[in-house]
């Protein structure tokens, strides 16, 4: 027969397994959010993973201290340098994403795409002006 201590240990083991199972789901969500953030910044997420760093009490958006899982990831801009970032998860919800200061790709110059209105008006007369000329 099972004693009370055996039932307690069994329940403790089941709770630990459930907590680890849930943590795996949170990690997958953190990975998806890190990929989205890297795509938005136009940088490349390296190794395609996030690594659990620690459990911590951090402040949420309202200033309350909450238990959060903190994950680290690495990304690159140029392909030569590995930079780090971290993501905080409150359960399945995003807390904050921090990335290390990094260079960014310069936007192409738009000088050749500038349309001067005077030139455009000369090349595109109004329909009623075309009738007068004809």
Protein backbone atom coordinates (compact mmCIF):
# COMPACT_ATOMS: atom_id res chain seq x y z
CA UNK A 1 0.00 0.00 0.00
CA UNK A 2 1.11 3.55 -0.65
CA UNK A 3 1.94 5.68 2.32
CA UNK A 4 1.19 9.38 2.53
CA UNK A 5 4.87 10.16 1.90
CA UNK A 6 4.81 8.08 -1.31
CA UNK A 7 1.71 9.91 -2.57
CA UNK A 8 3.35 13.25 -1.74
CA UNK A 9 6.52 12.32 -3.65
CA UNK A 10 4.46 11.08 -6.59
CA UNK A 11 2.48 14.34 -6.70
CA UNK A 12 5.68 16.36 -6.37
CA UNK A 13 7.20 14.45 -9.30
CA UNK A 14 4.03 14.97 -11.40
CA UNK A 15 4.01 18.70 -10.63
CA UNK A 16 7.69 19.00 -11.60
CA UNK A 17 7.09 17.13 -14.86
CA UNK A 18 4.10 19.37 -15.67
CA UNK A 19 6.15 22.48 -14.92
CA UNK A 20 8.93 21.29 -17.27
CA UNK A 21 6.38 20.42 -19.98
CA UNK A 22 4.84 23.89 -19.72
CA UNK A 23 8.32 25.45 -19.78
CA UNK A 24 8.99 23.75 -23.11
CA UNK A 25 5.86 25.38 -24.56
CA UNK A 26 6.94 28.78 -23.24
CA UNK A 27 10.38 28.27 -24.80
CA UNK A 28 8.79 27.54 -28.18
CA UNK A 29 6.71 30.72 -27.89
CA UNK A 30 9.83 32.71 -26.95
CA UNK A 31 11.62 31.31 -30.00
CA UNK A 32 8.78 32.38 -32.31
CA UNK A 33 8.75 35.88 -30.80
CA UNK A 34 12.55 36.18 -31.11
CA UNK A 35 12.33 35.18 -34.80
CA UNK A 36 9.64 37.80 -35.41
CA UNK A 37 11.65 40.47 -33.63
CA UNK A 38 14.82 39.65 -35.59
CA UNK A 39 12.88 39.74 -38.86
CA UNK A 40 11.44 43.15 -37.91
CA UNK A 41 14.96 44.46 -37.18
CA UNK A 42 16.29 42.90 -40.41
CA UNK A 43 18.90 40.83 -38.55
CA UNK A 44 19.49 37.08 -38.62
CA UNK A 45 18.71 34.88 -35.62
CA UNK A 46 21.69 32.55 -35.21
CA UNK A 47 21.37 28.84 -34.46
CA UNK A 48 17.57 29.10 -34.57
CA UNK A 49 17.14 28.76 -30.81
CA UNK A 50 16.75 30.50 -27.49
CA UNK A 51 18.50 29.27 -24.35
CA UNK A 52 16.97 29.36 -20.88
CA UNK A 53 19.11 31.56 -18.64
CA UNK A 54 17.21 31.94 -15.37
CA UNK A 55 14.00 32.51 -13.47
CA UNK A 56 13.86 36.05 -12.14
CA UNK A 57 11.56 38.51 -10.45
CA UNK A 58 11.26 41.37 -12.96
CA UNK A 59 8.91 44.30 -13.32
CA UNK A 60 6.13 44.09 -15.88
CA UNK A 61 4.66 46.98 -17.85
CA UNK A 62 2.57 48.09 -14.87
CA UNK A 63 5.55 48.12 -12.51
CA UNK A 64 4.56 44.98 -10.58
CA UNK A 65 7.23 42.38 -9.81
CA UNK A 66 6.44 39.03 -11.44
CA UNK A 67 8.21 35.74 -11.93
CA UNK A 68 9.61 35.56 -15.47
CA UNK A 69 11.59 33.10 -17.52
CA UNK A 70 14.56 34.81 -19.18
CA UNK A 71 15.95 33.36 -22.41
CA UNK A 72 19.06 34.40 -24.35
CA UNK A 73 19.57 34.30 -28.11
CA UNK A 74 22.25 35.34 -30.56
CA UNK A 75 21.87 37.30 -33.78
CA UNK A 76 24.03 38.86 -36.46
CA UNK A 77 23.77 41.82 -38.78
CA UNK A 78 26.81 41.29 -40.98
CA UNK A 79 27.38 37.56 -40.58
CA UNK A 80 30.78 38.17 -39.00
CA UNK A 81 29.83 39.15 -35.47
CA UNK A 82 27.68 37.33 -32.89
CA UNK A 83 25.57 39.69 -30.80
CA UNK A 84 23.31 38.76 -27.90
CA UNK A 85 19.74 39.47 -27.01
CA UNK A 86 17.36 38.38 -24.27
CA UNK A 87 13.65 37.82 -24.02
CA UNK A 88 11.55 37.81 -20.85
CA UNK A 89 8.39 35.72 -20.72
CA UNK A 90 5.62 36.02 -18.12
CA UNK A 91 4.03 32.65 -18.59
CA UNK A 92 3.10 32.54 -22.26
CA UNK A 93 3.09 36.34 -22.57
CA UNK A 94 5.97 38.49 -23.77
CA UNK A 95 7.56 40.72 -21.18
CA UNK A 96 10.41 42.45 -22.96
CA UNK A 97 12.97 41.84 -25.68
CA UNK A 98 16.41 43.44 -25.37
CA UNK A 99 19.09 43.33 -28.05
CA UNK A 100 22.68 44.42 -27.88
CA UNK A 101 23.59 47.64 -29.68
CA UNK A 102 24.36 46.72 -33.27
CA UNK A 103 25.09 48.36 -36.62
CA UNK A 104 22.22 48.51 -39.05
CA UNK A 105 22.08 48.27 -42.78
CA UNK A 106 21.89 51.70 -44.40
CA UNK A 107 18.77 52.46 -46.38
CA UNK A 108 19.36 53.06 -50.08
CA UNK A 109 19.52 56.69 -51.09
CA UNK A 110 16.23 57.92 -52.50
CA UNK A 111 17.66 60.84 -54.50
CA UNK A 112 16.98 59.13 -57.81
CA UNK A 113 13.38 58.46 -56.78
CA UNK A 114 12.54 62.04 -55.83
CA UNK A 115 9.88 63.48 -58.08
CA UNK A 116 9.97 67.23 -58.51
CA UNK A 117 6.43 68.52 -58.80
CA UNK A 118 7.22 71.18 -61.42
CA UNK A 119 8.67 68.59 -63.79
CA UNK A 120 5.81 66.20 -63.15
CA UNK A 121 3.18 68.90 -63.83
CA UNK A 122 4.86 69.76 -67.13
CA UNK A 123 4.88 66.14 -68.26
CA UNK A 124 1.34 65.42 -66.95
CA UNK A 125 -0.96 68.31 -67.88
CA UNK A 126 -4.51 68.37 -66.52
CA UNK A 127 -7.18 66.90 -68.83
CA UNK A 128 -8.89 70.28 -69.35
CA UNK A 129 -5.51 71.86 -70.33
CA UNK A 130 -5.05 69.15 -72.96
CA UNK A 131 -8.37 70.07 -74.55
CA UNK A 132 -7.43 73.73 -74.82
CA UNK A 133 -4.18 72.91 -76.56
CA UNK A 134 -5.87 70.62 -79.11
